[in-house]
């Protein structure tokens, strides 16, 4: 299983080093090939783990008595790696159609090798984060994802793109200082960089380390007060938005929080309280910011902020003792990636075919572009937690865990009630736009829409299927 994990990391990295030197006509196919190999590695690992159910850590880079990098194979890493490499492959496939001169919103005529090199490097870096057994490894790949994000957000090279890329790297790397402090503190106190060494700290030491970890995680996952970079990052090509800012990069924060909480043993409840309160405040803020949005991608960006808050809340509930909330958090990391990835790629399909992503200009999508209309419906239902779509199951587990803890902690009960109100409000708001955009007679821009390429259609259909079945895959490994 270690070789499958290393394949998920190294294969896309090798591809990223190769594609800049290839003739441009071969770049898309080679990138798809390497991303597919990474997906196969992740799939084989998933199957092997489902059969063996054996969790372990293997040290890989050790000097003296200090391990600098190793891989941890367990339910969390296997599930999250699968979504990283699977959606990474789908994004590379989708981009083969989207990144073309026929794109009505942004005709793409140059920069293809650079795009795929950064995308493949990002896939490998994400897998590196997922399997890392040390804080030093988490920190290294944390920074690598930031570098890739900076390059991809600024892909178009205009002033707005460069400024948005600067916002992203400035905020996420400023927040990363918290992880630097936590890593240094852990080494000074324990002589180890291992994530499991967090368990050796005193309660006061854990509190200090986790404050640093939380700050870094909030920055990467666009939580208050580090959130402004995410809506600004929507200037990037839509496949970038779908992967970095829905399925992958923003998951780094919640993943690191989950990994460290699981490894640290008993985490002081003050961390759970801080995490739960900040998650709920961010959730409310993200929901309020739905209302002024007319750009579909910016609306989805604020939706991502709120959905990540659900995961931070659930992990905070686990600190209080709810295993149900932990399972809900892991399942929501998995489910949300497919649902939000689908939603962003629907937005990309609409901008590709119509030349706009302004919600007020889109009507009758189902009539003119059925695959985009069906994808819109599936994504909206999954994001807002409507059964039988995947978001319902993970949200239900989070809320159930919240009520379980709320019986003993009234403040937690209040936060869960607020969470339910946000979920209902999100459903109403997305239902409003779904009715306006998907149904009815096509508007002028939709009526004149071009036919989406086969690559776009293929990926949308596959992700629609995943919004209906991913929860069962998650529950199978979590049971």
Protein backbone atom coordinates (compact mmCIF):
# COMPACT_ATOMS: atom_id res chain seq x y z
CA UNK A 1 0.00 0.00 0.00
CA UNK A 2 2.95 2.34 0.56
CA UNK A 3 3.83 2.08 -3.13
CA UNK A 4 0.30 3.08 -4.10
CA UNK A 5 0.60 6.10 -1.80
CA UNK A 6 3.95 7.06 -3.32
CA UNK A 7 2.46 6.60 -6.79
CA UNK A 8 -0.25 9.14 -5.93
CA UNK A 9 2.47 11.62 -4.94
CA UNK A 10 5.27 10.98 -7.43
CA UNK A 11 3.48 10.14 -10.68
CA UNK A 12 1.82 13.57 -11.11
CA UNK A 13 5.05 15.27 -9.96
CA UNK A 14 6.99 13.43 -12.67
CA UNK A 15 4.33 14.47 -15.17
CA UNK A 16 4.64 18.10 -14.09
CA UNK A 17 8.40 17.98 -14.77
CA UNK A 18 7.86 16.44 -18.20
CA UNK A 19 5.04 18.45 -19.81
CA UNK A 20 6.89 21.82 -20.07
CA UNK A 21 9.37 20.19 -22.48
CA UNK A 22 6.81 18.49 -24.74
CA UNK A 23 5.37 19.83 -28.01
CA UNK A 24 2.15 21.63 -27.09
CA UNK A 25 0.02 19.27 -29.16
CA UNK A 26 0.98 16.39 -26.82
CA UNK A 27 0.67 18.20 -23.49
CA UNK A 28 -3.02 17.59 -22.80
CA UNK A 29 -2.84 13.85 -23.47
CA UNK A 30 0.33 13.36 -21.45
CA UNK A 31 -1.11 15.33 -18.53
CA UNK A 32 -4.29 13.25 -18.63
CA UNK A 33 -2.16 10.10 -18.72
CA UNK A 34 -0.13 10.98 -15.62
CA UNK A 35 -3.20 12.19 -13.72
CA UNK A 36 -4.94 8.92 -14.66
CA UNK A 37 -1.99 6.91 -13.33
CA UNK A 38 -2.24 8.82 -10.04
CA UNK A 39 -5.97 8.04 -9.94
CA UNK A 40 -5.27 4.34 -10.52
CA UNK A 41 -2.76 4.40 -7.64
CA UNK A 42 -5.36 6.00 -5.38
CA UNK A 43 -8.04 3.54 -6.45
CA UNK A 44 -5.82 0.50 -5.87
CA UNK A 45 -4.92 1.87 -2.44
CA UNK A 46 -8.59 2.36 -1.63
CA UNK A 47 -9.42 -1.21 -2.65
CA UNK A 48 -6.45 -2.67 -0.78
CA UNK A 49 -7.31 -0.76 2.38
CA UNK A 50 -10.99 -1.73 2.14
CA UNK A 51 -9.91 -5.38 2.16
CA UNK A 52 -7.19 -5.21 4.84
CA UNK A 53 -8.45 -2.38 7.07
CA UNK A 54 -4.91 -2.05 8.44
CA UNK A 55 -3.78 1.42 9.53
CA UNK A 56 -0.05 2.06 9.85
CA UNK A 57 2.74 4.62 9.47
CA UNK A 58 5.89 3.99 7.46
CA UNK A 59 8.94 6.19 8.00
CA UNK A 60 10.58 7.18 4.72
CA UNK A 61 13.03 10.04 5.37
CA UNK A 62 14.92 9.59 8.64
CA UNK A 63 18.23 11.13 9.69
CA UNK A 64 19.54 9.91 13.01
CA UNK A 65 16.61 9.54 15.36
CA UNK A 66 14.48 12.16 13.62
CA UNK A 67 11.86 11.31 10.99
CA UNK A 68 11.33 14.16 8.56
CA UNK A 69 8.75 12.50 6.34
CA UNK A 70 6.71 9.34 6.43
CA UNK A 71 3.34 8.14 5.16
CA UNK A 72 0.29 7.34 7.25
CA UNK A 73 -2.21 4.91 5.77
CA UNK A 74 -5.61 5.02 7.44
CA UNK A 75 -9.25 5.70 6.61
CA UNK A 76 -8.79 9.47 6.57
CA UNK A 77 -5.75 9.52 4.28
CA UNK A 78 -7.06 6.83 1.93
CA UNK A 79 -10.44 8.52 1.42
CA UNK A 80 -9.07 12.04 0.99
CA UNK A 81 -6.28 10.87 -1.32
CA UNK A 82 -8.85 9.13 -3.50
CA UNK A 83 -10.83 12.32 -3.97
CA UNK A 84 -7.61 14.28 -4.61
CA UNK A 85 -6.38 12.03 -7.43
CA UNK A 86 -9.81 11.15 -8.84
CA UNK A 87 -10.96 14.75 -9.14
CA UNK A 88 -7.46 15.71 -10.29
CA UNK A 89 -7.79 13.31 -13.22
CA UNK A 90 -11.30 14.59 -13.98
CA UNK A 91 -10.05 18.20 -13.95
CA UNK A 92 -7.23 17.37 -16.38
CA UNK A 93 -9.77 15.65 -18.64
CA UNK A 94 -12.28 18.52 -18.39
CA UNK A 95 -9.53 21.04 -19.12
CA UNK A 96 -8.77 19.31 -22.41
CA UNK A 97 -12.10 20.73 -23.62
CA UNK A 98 -12.24 23.93 -21.56
CA UNK A 99 -8.74 25.28 -22.21
CA UNK A 100 -9.23 26.01 -25.89
CA UNK A 101 -9.66 28.93 -28.32
CA UNK A 102 -13.37 28.02 -28.54
CA UNK A 103 -14.00 29.10 -24.95
CA UNK A 104 -16.42 32.02 -25.28
CA UNK A 105 -15.56 33.61 -21.97
CA UNK A 106 -11.75 33.22 -22.06
CA UNK A 107 -10.34 31.92 -25.36
CA UNK A 108 -7.15 30.06 -24.41
CA UNK A 109 -4.37 30.27 -26.99
CA UNK A 110 -1.21 29.99 -24.90
CA UNK A 111 0.09 28.83 -21.53
CA UNK A 112 -1.23 25.25 -21.77
CA UNK A 113 2.05 23.55 -20.71
CA UNK A 114 2.37 25.90 -17.74
CA UNK A 115 -1.23 25.21 -16.72
CA UNK A 116 -0.84 21.44 -16.77
CA UNK A 117 2.57 21.48 -15.11
CA UNK A 118 1.17 23.43 -12.17
CA UNK A 119 -1.99 21.32 -12.03
CA UNK A 120 -0.05 18.04 -11.93
CA UNK A 121 2.35 19.43 -9.33
CA UNK A 122 -0.65 20.47 -7.28
CA UNK A 123 -2.14 16.97 -7.39
CA UNK A 124 1.14 15.48 -6.19
CA UNK A 125 1.53 18.11 -3.48
CA UNK A 126 -1.99 17.47 -2.21
CA UNK A 127 -1.26 13.74 -2.01
CA UNK A 128 1.92 14.64 -0.12
CA UNK A 129 -0.12 16.56 2.45
CA UNK A 130 -2.62 13.75 2.81
CA UNK A 131 -0.11 11.01 3.58
CA UNK A 132 2.36 13.03 5.68
CA UNK A 133 3.04 11.56 9.11
CA UNK A 134 5.04 14.58 10.31
CA UNK A 135 4.27 18.24 10.87
CA UNK A 136 7.36 19.09 8.84
CA UNK A 137 5.96 17.13 5.89
CA UNK A 138 2.59 18.82 6.30
CA UNK A 139 4.32 22.19 6.35
CA UNK A 140 6.43 21.48 3.25
CA UNK A 141 3.52 20.34 1.11
CA UNK A 142 1.31 23.07 2.61
CA UNK A 143 3.72 25.59 1.09
CA UNK A 144 3.92 23.68 -2.21
CA UNK A 145 0.14 23.86 -2.62
CA UNK A 146 0.34 27.60 -1.97
CA UNK A 147 2.95 28.02 -4.70
CA UNK A 148 0.85 26.07 -7.21
CA UNK A 149 -2.24 28.04 -6.23
CA UNK A 150 -0.43 31.34 -6.78
CA UNK A 151 0.61 30.28 -10.29
CA UNK A 152 -2.81 28.97 -11.26
CA UNK A 153 -4.86 31.85 -9.86
CA UNK A 154 -2.67 34.27 -11.79
CA UNK A 155 -2.77 32.12 -14.94
CA UNK A 156 -4.28 34.78 -17.25
CA UNK A 157 -1.52 37.23 -16.33
CA UNK A 158 -3.62 40.40 -16.26
CA UNK A 159 -3.49 42.84 -13.35
CA UNK A 160 -6.62 41.48 -11.66
CA UNK A 161 -5.36 37.89 -11.82
CA UNK A 162 -1.93 38.82 -10.46
CA UNK A 163 -3.48 40.84 -7.64
CA UNK A 164 -5.82 37.96 -6.73
CA UNK A 165 -2.91 35.51 -6.74
CA UNK A 166 -0.99 37.83 -4.43
CA UNK A 167 -3.97 38.00 -2.05
CA UNK A 168 -4.09 34.19 -1.93
CA UNK A 169 -0.43 33.64 -1.24
CA UNK A 170 -0.16 36.55 1.21
CA UNK A 171 -3.10 35.46 3.38
CA UNK A 172 -2.50 31.71 3.31
CA UNK A 173 1.23 32.05 3.94
CA UNK A 174 0.72 34.58 6.72
CA UNK A 175 -1.60 32.10 8.38
CA UNK A 176 1.00 29.37 7.76
CA UNK A 177 3.19 31.03 10.40
CA UNK A 178 0.92 29.33 12.93
CA UNK A 179 1.97 25.95 11.59
CA UNK A 180 5.63 26.99 11.66
CA UNK A 181 5.28 27.89 15.32
CA UNK A 182 3.45 24.66 16.14
CA UNK A 183 6.08 22.57 14.32
CA UNK A 184 9.00 24.30 16.04
CA UNK A 185 7.30 24.09 19.45
CA UNK A 186 6.59 20.37 18.99
CA UNK A 187 10.23 19.68 18.13
CA UNK A 188 11.58 21.70 21.04
CA UNK A 189 9.29 19.96 23.53
CA UNK A 190 9.44 16.38 22.20
CA UNK A 191 12.47 16.16 19.89
CA UNK A 192 10.19 14.87 17.13
CA UNK A 193 8.30 16.20 14.11
CA UNK A 194 5.86 13.28 14.13
CA UNK A 195 2.19 14.23 14.25
CA UNK A 196 1.66 11.59 16.93
CA UNK A 197 4.18 13.42 19.15
CA UNK A 198 1.40 15.94 19.83
CA UNK A 199 0.08 13.33 22.25
CA UNK A 200 3.21 13.82 24.41
CA UNK A 201 2.52 17.49 25.08
CA UNK A 202 0.89 18.78 28.24
CA UNK A 203 -2.59 20.28 28.00
CA UNK A 204 -1.07 23.76 27.97
CA UNK A 205 1.36 22.67 25.25
CA UNK A 206 -1.44 21.16 23.18
CA UNK A 207 -3.43 24.37 23.52
CA UNK A 208 -0.52 26.45 22.24
CA UNK A 209 0.25 24.05 19.38
CA UNK A 210 -3.37 23.81 18.29
CA UNK A 211 -3.86 27.56 18.26
CA UNK A 212 -1.02 27.73 15.75
CA UNK A 213 -2.46 24.82 13.77
CA UNK A 214 -5.94 26.38 13.76
CA UNK A 215 -4.62 29.69 12.44
CA UNK A 216 -2.86 27.92 9.55
CA UNK A 217 -5.95 25.81 8.85
CA UNK A 218 -8.27 28.82 8.88
CA UNK A 219 -6.02 30.54 6.36
CA UNK A 220 -5.89 27.63 3.95
CA UNK A 221 -9.61 26.88 4.25
CA UNK A 222 -10.65 30.53 3.86
CA UNK A 223 -12.26 30.92 7.28
CA UNK A 224 -12.62 34.24 9.10
CA UNK A 225 -10.53 36.36 9.26
CA UNK A 226 -8.45 34.95 6.38
CA UNK A 227 -11.34 34.46 3.93
CA UNK A 228 -10.92 37.36 1.42
CA UNK A 229 -8.55 35.47 -0.86
CA UNK A 230 -11.08 32.82 -1.90
CA UNK A 231 -13.76 34.98 -3.62
CA UNK A 232 -10.97 36.96 -5.32
CA UNK A 233 -9.46 33.72 -6.61
CA UNK A 234 -12.49 33.17 -8.83
CA UNK A 235 -10.67 35.08 -11.58
CA UNK A 236 -8.76 31.86 -12.29
CA UNK A 237 -9.81 29.44 -15.05
CA UNK A 238 -12.84 27.50 -13.82
CA UNK A 239 -11.04 24.11 -13.66
CA UNK A 240 -8.64 25.81 -11.24
CA UNK A 241 -11.57 27.08 -9.17
CA UNK A 242 -13.10 23.61 -9.15
CA UNK A 243 -9.94 21.82 -8.04
CA UNK A 244 -7.98 24.24 -5.89
CA UNK A 245 -10.88 26.11 -4.34
CA UNK A 246 -13.56 23.45 -3.98
CA UNK A 247 -12.07 19.96 -4.08
CA UNK A 248 -8.48 20.28 -2.97
CA UNK A 249 -6.58 23.34 -1.74
CA UNK A 250 -9.22 24.57 0.68
CA UNK A 251 -9.42 21.02 2.03
CA UNK A 252 -5.80 21.27 3.22
CA UNK A 253 -6.89 23.25 6.27
CA UNK A 254 -9.66 20.94 7.42
CA UNK A 255 -7.51 17.91 6.62
CA UNK A 256 -4.57 19.10 8.74
CA UNK A 257 -6.94 19.91 11.61
CA UNK A 258 -8.49 16.44 11.33
CA UNK A 259 -5.10 14.71 11.12
CA UNK A 260 -3.67 16.51 14.15
CA UNK A 261 -6.81 16.14 16.28
CA UNK A 262 -6.83 12.40 15.60
CA UNK A 263 -3.16 12.07 16.50
CA UNK A 264 -3.09 14.20 19.63
CA UNK A 265 -5.25 12.07 21.92
CA UNK A 266 -7.22 14.20 24.38
CA UNK A 267 -7.29 17.75 22.99
CA UNK A 268 -8.21 20.51 25.48
CA UNK A 269 -11.87 21.44 25.15
CA UNK A 270 -10.99 25.12 24.82
CA UNK A 271 -9.74 24.30 21.29
CA UNK A 272 -13.07 22.65 20.54
CA UNK A 273 -14.91 25.70 21.86
CA UNK A 274 -12.81 28.14 19.81
CA UNK A 275 -13.18 25.94 16.72
CA UNK A 276 -16.95 25.59 17.10
CA UNK A 277 -17.61 29.30 17.69
CA UNK A 278 -15.38 30.45 14.82
CA UNK A 279 -16.93 27.86 12.50
CA UNK A 280 -20.44 29.06 13.27
CA UNK A 281 -19.53 32.75 12.90
CA UNK A 282 -17.85 32.04 9.55
CA UNK A 283 -20.85 29.99 8.46
CA UNK A 284 -23.23 32.89 9.16
CA UNK A 285 -20.94 35.36 7.39
CA UNK A 286 -20.65 33.14 4.31
CA UNK A 287 -24.41 32.75 4.16
CA UNK A 288 -25.03 36.51 4.41
CA UNK A 289 -22.61 37.05 1.54
CA UNK A 290 -24.77 34.88 -0.76
CA UNK A 291 -27.27 37.67 -1.21
CA UNK A 292 -25.32 40.32 -3.18
CA UNK A 293 -23.70 37.79 -5.55
CA UNK A 294 -24.59 37.67 -9.24
CA UNK A 295 -21.37 36.00 -10.38
CA UNK A 296 -22.01 32.25 -10.10
CA UNK A 297 -18.43 31.43 -9.12
CA UNK A 298 -18.36 34.04 -6.34
CA UNK A 299 -21.62 32.63 -4.96
CA UNK A 300 -20.05 29.18 -4.98
CA UNK A 301 -16.92 30.56 -3.28
CA UNK A 302 -18.97 31.81 -0.33
CA UNK A 303 -20.83 28.51 -0.29
CA UNK A 304 -17.47 26.75 -0.01
CA UNK A 305 -16.59 28.95 2.97
CA UNK A 306 -19.80 27.89 4.75
CA UNK A 307 -19.42 24.20 3.91
CA UNK A 308 -15.88 24.14 5.26
CA UNK A 309 -17.28 25.67 8.43
CA UNK A 310 -19.44 22.57 8.83
CA UNK A 311 -16.29 20.45 8.82
CA UNK A 312 -14.47 22.67 11.34
CA UNK A 313 -17.56 22.53 13.55
CA UNK A 314 -17.73 18.73 13.32
CA UNK A 315 -14.03 18.32 14.17
CA UNK A 316 -14.51 20.65 17.13
CA UNK A 317 -17.41 18.46 18.29
CA UNK A 318 -15.09 15.44 18.11
CA UNK A 319 -12.83 17.18 20.65
CA UNK A 320 -15.87 17.12 22.95
CA UNK A 321 -16.16 13.37 22.36
CA UNK A 322 -18.51 12.79 19.41
CA UNK A 323 -17.27 10.01 17.10
CA UNK A 324 -20.39 10.56 14.99
CA UNK A 325 -19.32 14.15 14.33
CA UNK A 326 -15.83 12.97 13.32
CA UNK A 327 -17.29 10.51 10.82
CA UNK A 328 -19.53 13.28 9.54
CA UNK A 329 -16.53 15.58 9.11
CA UNK A 330 -14.53 13.01 7.13
CA UNK A 331 -17.57 12.10 5.03
CA UNK A 332 -18.28 15.80 4.36
CA UNK A 333 -14.70 16.41 3.21
CA UNK A 334 -15.27 13.56 0.74
CA UNK A 335 -18.84 14.36 -0.32
CA UNK A 336 -18.45 18.12 -0.61
CA UNK A 337 -15.48 17.74 -2.96
CA UNK A 338 -17.58 15.93 -5.55
CA UNK A 339 -20.65 18.15 -5.17
CA UNK A 340 -18.83 21.49 -5.22
CA UNK A 341 -16.44 20.31 -7.92
CA UNK A 342 -19.50 19.50 -10.04
CA UNK A 343 -21.05 22.90 -9.34
CA UNK A 344 -17.93 24.79 -10.37
CA UNK A 345 -17.55 22.72 -13.52
CA UNK A 346 -21.18 23.41 -14.40
CA UNK A 347 -20.35 27.11 -14.05
CA UNK A 348 -17.38 26.52 -16.33
CA UNK A 349 -19.52 24.72 -18.90
CA UNK A 350 -21.97 27.63 -18.89
CA UNK A 351 -19.27 30.28 -19.29
CA UNK A 352 -17.62 28.18 -22.02
CA UNK A 353 -20.82 27.83 -24.03
CA UNK A 354 -22.57 31.14 -23.31
CA UNK A 355 -19.68 33.51 -22.55
CA UNK A 356 -21.07 34.52 -19.15
CA UNK A 357 -21.51 33.21 -15.61
CA UNK A 358 -23.81 36.02 -14.43
CA UNK A 359 -26.77 34.36 -12.73
CA UNK A 360 -29.21 37.07 -13.81
CA UNK A 361 -28.45 36.33 -17.49
CA UNK A 362 -28.89 32.56 -17.32
CA UNK A 363 -32.32 31.00 -17.82
CA UNK A 364 -33.62 27.80 -19.39
CA UNK A 365 -30.33 25.92 -19.09
CA UNK A 366 -32.02 22.52 -18.92
CA UNK A 367 -33.83 23.15 -22.20
CA UNK A 368 -30.74 24.20 -24.18
CA UNK A 369 -27.80 22.48 -22.40
CA UNK A 370 -29.34 19.43 -20.65
CA UNK A 371 -26.09 18.07 -19.19
CA UNK A 372 -25.35 21.43 -17.54
CA UNK A 373 -28.94 21.75 -16.32
CA UNK A 374 -28.95 18.30 -14.74
CA UNK A 375 -25.52 18.96 -13.24
CA UNK A 376 -26.79 22.23 -11.74
CA UNK A 377 -29.72 20.41 -10.11
CA UNK A 378 -27.58 17.57 -8.75
CA UNK A 379 -24.93 19.94 -7.38
CA UNK A 380 -27.45 22.29 -5.76
CA UNK A 381 -29.29 19.40 -4.09
CA UNK A 382 -26.05 17.79 -2.90
CA UNK A 383 -24.56 21.03 -1.51
CA UNK A 384 -27.70 21.91 0.43
CA UNK A 385 -28.11 18.39 1.83
CA UNK A 386 -31.22 17.08 0.07
CA UNK A 387 -31.60 13.27 0.07
CA UNK A 388 -30.69 11.04 -1.73
CA UNK A 389 -27.68 13.22 -2.66
CA UNK A 390 -24.42 12.82 -0.76
CA UNK A 391 -24.43 16.05 1.25
CA UNK A 392 -27.48 14.95 3.24
CA UNK A 393 -25.73 11.99 4.84
CA UNK A 394 -22.63 13.79 6.08
CA UNK A 395 -24.62 16.83 7.26
CA UNK A 396 -26.99 14.52 9.13
CA UNK A 397 -24.07 12.89 10.95
CA UNK A 398 -22.64 16.29 11.90
CA UNK A 399 -25.97 17.55 13.24
CA UNK A 400 -26.60 14.27 15.09
CA UNK A 401 -23.18 14.52 16.71
CA UNK A 402 -23.95 18.11 17.63
CA UNK A 403 -27.18 17.20 19.40
CA UNK A 404 -25.34 14.38 21.15
CA UNK A 405 -22.85 16.87 22.64
CA UNK A 406 -25.47 19.60 23.01
CA UNK A 407 -27.27 17.57 25.67
CA UNK A 408 -24.37 18.38 28.00
CA UNK A 409 -23.19 21.75 26.63
CA UNK A 410 -26.01 24.28 26.00
CA UNK A 411 -23.78 26.58 23.93
CA UNK A 412 -23.04 23.74 21.49
CA UNK A 413 -26.78 23.12 21.19
CA UNK A 414 -27.30 26.77 20.23
CA UNK A 415 -24.55 26.54 17.62
CA UNK A 416 -26.15 23.43 16.12
CA UNK A 417 -29.54 25.13 15.88
CA UNK A 418 -27.87 28.04 14.08
CA UNK A 419 -26.20 25.51 11.75
CA UNK A 420 -29.56 23.94 10.89
CA UNK A 421 -31.02 27.40 10.18
CA UNK A 422 -28.10 28.13 7.84
CA UNK A 423 -28.66 24.84 6.03
CA UNK A 424 -32.35 25.62 5.50
CA UNK A 425 -31.50 29.15 4.35
CA UNK A 426 -28.91 27.84 1.87
CA UNK A 427 -31.43 25.40 0.48
CA UNK A 428 -33.98 28.16 -0.09
CA UNK A 429 -31.42 30.46 -1.74
CA UNK A 430 -30.02 27.82 -4.08
CA UNK A 431 -33.53 26.60 -4.86
CA UNK A 432 -34.43 30.17 -5.87
CA UNK A 433 -31.53 30.39 -8.31
CA UNK A 434 -32.03 26.86 -9.57
CA UNK A 435 -35.60 27.68 -10.54
CA UNK A 436 -34.53 30.93 -12.19
CA UNK A 437 -31.54 29.50 -14.06
CA UNK A 438 -32.44 25.93 -14.96
CA UNK A 439 -36.14 26.04 -15.81
CA UNK A 440 -38.19 28.04 -18.29
CA UNK A 441 -37.56 29.36 -21.77
CA UNK A 442 -33.87 29.94 -22.55
CA UNK A 443 -32.64 33.51 -22.20
CA UNK A 444 -30.86 35.13 -25.11
CA UNK A 445 -27.37 34.13 -24.05
CA UNK A 446 -28.44 30.55 -23.26
CA UNK A 447 -30.38 30.22 -26.53
CA UNK A 448 -27.22 31.08 -28.46
CA UNK A 449 -25.03 28.70 -26.44
CA UNK A 450 -22.55 26.43 -28.18
CA UNK A 451 -22.39 22.67 -27.62
CA UNK A 452 -20.03 21.67 -24.77
CA UNK A 453 -17.08 19.47 -25.78
CA UNK A 454 -17.28 15.75 -25.02
CA UNK A 455 -14.63 16.07 -22.29
CA UNK A 456 -16.80 18.52 -20.36
CA UNK A 457 -19.91 16.35 -20.75
CA UNK A 458 -18.07 13.21 -19.65
CA UNK A 459 -16.77 14.79 -16.44
CA UNK A 460 -20.12 16.36 -15.54
CA UNK A 461 -21.92 13.03 -15.93
CA UNK A 462 -19.33 11.19 -13.82
CA UNK A 463 -19.54 13.79 -11.05
CA UNK A 464 -23.34 13.67 -11.09
CA UNK A 465 -23.08 9.94 -10.43
CA UNK A 466 -20.64 10.59 -7.59
CA UNK A 467 -23.07 12.98 -5.88
CA UNK A 468 -25.41 10.00 -5.61
CA UNK A 469 -22.95 7.31 -4.51
CA UNK A 470 -19.91 8.86 -2.80
CA UNK A 471 -21.61 8.73 0.61
CA UNK A 472 -21.81 4.94 0.45
CA UNK A 473 -18.11 4.67 -0.32
CA UNK A 474 -17.31 6.93 2.63
CA UNK A 475 -19.64 5.09 4.99
CA UNK A 476 -18.15 1.74 3.92
CA UNK A 477 -14.67 2.78 5.06
CA UNK A 478 -15.89 4.66 8.13
CA UNK A 479 -17.98 1.78 9.45
